[in-house]
């Protein structure tokens, strides 16, 4: 990995699918509980993700007045996908931030912040007034990041597929 990054945001393309899935699964697995029940829940979440929005990125994001980006680093002429973020459009000027993930070897470089800022700029320019998101309480670094970036916690609830897994909701008004 080069110490200086040549970063580029671009729209997801179908040929990116395998790399995108790998990055997102790696991100989810970082927070996998070590007990068997937690690991089983994690496997179920990954399976669900692969069968829903990640099975149809075009339909879920682009066709919903949203978008899906990849963050790339170009090194010696070779483009590598190192991060993802998606925006799912909702009604009433609201949108949802989803699928924020950075390849583990690129953590601690401010890339998640850059991905969120890119999404917020796009959302603002496309008329969205509020960004919402949900994440697991076990993803403490993500919860901290969202708070630092100006997101306000709006509630906690049990995950629909696992009552022991607590989801945290956040939102941010785009000014």
Protein backbone atom coordinates (compact mmCIF):
# COMPACT_ATOMS: atom_id res chain seq x y z
CA UNK A 1 0.00 0.00 0.00
CA UNK A 2 1.39 3.35 -1.02
CA UNK A 3 1.80 5.97 1.71
CA UNK A 4 0.44 8.71 -0.56
CA UNK A 5 -3.00 7.95 -1.88
CA UNK A 6 -4.34 8.93 -5.31
CA UNK A 7 -8.03 8.96 -4.41
CA UNK A 8 -11.04 9.14 -6.69
CA UNK A 9 -14.76 8.88 -6.02
CA UNK A 10 -16.79 7.29 -8.76
CA UNK A 11 -20.15 5.66 -9.28
CA UNK A 12 -20.47 1.95 -8.69
CA UNK A 13 -20.28 -0.21 -11.83
CA UNK A 14 -21.44 -3.84 -12.07
CA UNK A 15 -17.84 -5.04 -12.50
CA UNK A 16 -17.09 -3.62 -9.02
CA UNK A 17 -19.49 -6.03 -7.34
CA UNK A 18 -17.00 -8.61 -6.02
CA UNK A 19 -14.67 -5.97 -4.56
CA UNK A 20 -17.58 -4.07 -3.00
CA UNK A 21 -18.94 -7.23 -1.36
CA UNK A 22 -15.50 -8.12 -0.02
CA UNK A 23 -15.04 -4.68 1.59
CA UNK A 24 -18.51 -4.60 3.11
CA UNK A 25 -18.25 -8.12 4.54
CA UNK A 26 -14.80 -7.34 5.99
CA UNK A 27 -16.30 -4.28 7.67
CA UNK A 28 -19.18 -6.24 9.15
CA UNK A 29 -16.89 -9.03 10.33
CA UNK A 30 -14.66 -6.58 12.23
CA UNK A 31 -17.44 -6.25 14.78
CA UNK A 32 -18.54 -9.88 14.89
CA UNK A 33 -19.11 -11.07 18.46
CA UNK A 34 -16.86 -13.97 19.35
CA UNK A 35 -19.60 -16.12 20.88
CA UNK A 36 -21.38 -18.59 18.60
CA UNK A 37 -24.76 -16.88 18.92
CA UNK A 38 -23.25 -13.55 17.85
CA UNK A 39 -21.33 -15.15 15.00
CA UNK A 40 -24.51 -16.86 13.79
CA UNK A 41 -26.34 -13.54 13.85
CA UNK A 42 -23.51 -11.95 11.88
CA UNK A 43 -23.65 -14.69 9.25
CA UNK A 44 -27.42 -14.20 9.00
CA UNK A 45 -27.00 -10.44 8.53
CA UNK A 46 -24.43 -10.96 5.76
CA UNK A 47 -26.71 -13.49 4.05
CA UNK A 48 -29.64 -11.06 4.27
CA UNK A 49 -27.51 -8.21 2.88
CA UNK A 50 -26.37 -10.32 -0.07
CA UNK A 51 -29.98 -11.25 -0.84
CA UNK A 52 -31.42 -7.74 -0.57
CA UNK A 53 -29.76 -4.42 -1.44
CA UNK A 54 -26.37 -5.88 -2.36
CA UNK A 55 -28.03 -8.26 -4.83
CA UNK A 56 -29.52 -5.28 -6.67
CA UNK A 57 -27.37 -2.20 -6.15
CA UNK A 58 -28.77 -0.56 -9.28
CA UNK A 59 -32.38 -1.00 -8.19
CA UNK A 60 -31.87 -0.26 -4.52
CA UNK A 61 -29.76 2.85 -4.86
CA UNK A 62 -29.70 4.35 -8.36
CA UNK A 63 -33.37 3.66 -9.10
CA UNK A 64 -34.47 5.08 -5.71
CA UNK A 65 -33.22 8.60 -6.40
CA UNK A 66 -30.01 7.61 -4.62
CA UNK A 67 -26.46 6.62 -5.48
CA UNK A 68 -23.68 4.16 -4.66
CA UNK A 69 -20.04 5.25 -4.76
CA UNK A 70 -16.74 3.51 -4.59
CA UNK A 71 -13.57 5.21 -3.40
CA UNK A 72 -10.55 4.15 -5.38
CA UNK A 73 -6.82 4.50 -4.99
CA UNK A 74 -4.67 4.39 -8.11
CA UNK A 75 -1.16 3.08 -7.64
CA UNK A 76 1.20 2.44 -10.57
CA UNK A 77 -1.72 2.72 -12.97
CA UNK A 78 -3.81 0.13 -11.15
CA UNK A 79 -7.15 1.16 -9.63
CA UNK A 80 -8.07 -0.48 -6.33
CA UNK A 81 -11.46 -0.07 -4.67
CA UNK A 82 -10.79 0.82 -1.03
CA UNK A 83 -14.12 2.14 0.23
CA UNK A 84 -17.86 2.32 -0.35
CA UNK A 85 -20.82 4.45 0.64
CA UNK A 86 -24.41 4.49 -0.57
CA UNK A 87 -27.37 6.84 -0.39
CA UNK A 88 -30.89 5.50 -0.53
CA UNK A 89 -33.42 8.18 -1.39
CA UNK A 90 -36.54 8.51 0.73
CA UNK A 91 -39.45 10.93 0.72
CA UNK A 92 -39.84 14.38 2.24
CA UNK A 93 -36.24 15.43 1.59
CA UNK A 94 -34.79 12.58 3.63
CA UNK A 95 -32.19 10.04 2.57
CA UNK A 96 -30.38 7.17 4.23
CA UNK A 97 -26.61 6.72 4.43
CA UNK A 98 -25.81 3.04 3.94
CA UNK A 99 -22.91 0.70 3.27
CA UNK A 100 -20.10 2.88 4.59
CA UNK A 101 -17.02 0.66 4.59
CA UNK A 102 -13.27 1.06 4.16
CA UNK A 103 -10.80 -1.74 3.48
CA UNK A 104 -9.17 -2.62 6.82
CA UNK A 105 -5.63 -1.87 5.64
CA UNK A 106 -6.74 1.70 4.83
CA UNK A 107 -8.32 2.46 8.21
CA UNK A 108 -7.21 5.45 10.30
CA UNK A 109 -6.57 7.66 7.26
CA UNK A 110 -9.76 9.74 7.37
CA UNK A 111 -11.31 7.92 4.42
CA UNK A 112 -14.66 7.24 6.10
CA UNK A 113 -14.94 10.99 6.77
CA UNK A 114 -14.22 11.69 3.10
CA UNK A 115 -16.85 9.16 2.01
CA UNK A 116 -19.49 10.70 4.29
CA UNK A 117 -18.60 14.24 3.16
CA UNK A 118 -18.90 13.17 -0.48
CA UNK A 119 -22.32 11.63 0.18
CA UNK A 120 -23.51 14.72 2.07
CA UNK A 121 -22.38 17.07 -0.73
CA UNK A 122 -24.22 14.97 -3.31
CA UNK A 123 -27.32 14.74 -1.12
CA UNK A 124 -27.38 18.49 -0.58
CA UNK A 125 -26.98 19.20 -4.30
CA UNK A 126 -29.86 16.82 -5.06
CA UNK A 127 -32.31 18.48 -2.69
CA UNK A 128 -32.09 16.22 0.34
CA UNK A 129 -32.45 18.04 3.66
CA UNK A 130 -31.71 15.27 6.17
CA UNK A 131 -29.42 12.23 6.19
CA UNK A 132 -30.49 9.31 8.38
CA UNK A 133 -28.63 6.10 9.21
CA UNK A 134 -28.68 3.10 11.51
CA UNK A 135 -25.76 1.08 12.79
CA UNK A 136 -25.15 -1.50 15.47
CA UNK A 137 -24.28 -0.36 18.97
CA UNK A 138 -21.36 -2.86 18.83
CA UNK A 139 -19.87 -0.71 16.06
CA UNK A 140 -18.65 1.83 18.62
CA UNK A 141 -16.03 3.43 16.31
CA UNK A 142 -18.74 4.06 13.70
CA UNK A 143 -21.08 5.55 16.32
CA UNK A 144 -18.27 7.86 17.47
CA UNK A 145 -17.49 8.87 13.88
CA UNK A 146 -21.09 9.80 13.16
CA UNK A 147 -21.29 11.87 16.36
CA UNK A 148 -18.05 13.70 15.51
CA UNK A 149 -19.41 14.42 12.02
CA UNK A 150 -22.47 16.15 13.48
CA UNK A 151 -24.98 13.31 13.48
CA UNK A 152 -27.38 13.21 16.43
CA UNK A 153 -28.51 9.93 17.96
CA UNK A 154 -32.28 9.68 17.54
CA UNK A 155 -33.02 6.33 19.14
CA UNK A 156 -32.16 2.72 19.83
CA UNK A 157 -34.11 -0.40 18.99
CA UNK A 158 -33.67 -4.14 18.80
CA UNK A 159 -32.83 -5.50 15.36
CA UNK A 160 -35.84 -7.16 13.75
CA UNK A 161 -33.98 -10.41 13.12
CA UNK A 162 -32.16 -10.51 16.49
CA UNK A 163 -33.75 -8.87 19.55
CA UNK A 164 -30.42 -9.01 21.43
CA UNK A 165 -28.70 -6.84 18.78
CA UNK A 166 -29.21 -3.12 19.43
CA UNK A 167 -29.44 -0.71 16.50
CA UNK A 168 -28.61 2.99 16.94
CA UNK A 169 -30.28 5.56 14.68
CA UNK A 170 -28.68 8.89 13.78
CA UNK A 171 -29.63 11.85 11.64
CA UNK A 172 -28.09 15.09 10.44
CA UNK A 173 -29.73 18.14 8.91
CA UNK A 174 -27.96 19.32 5.76
CA UNK A 175 -27.61 23.10 5.84
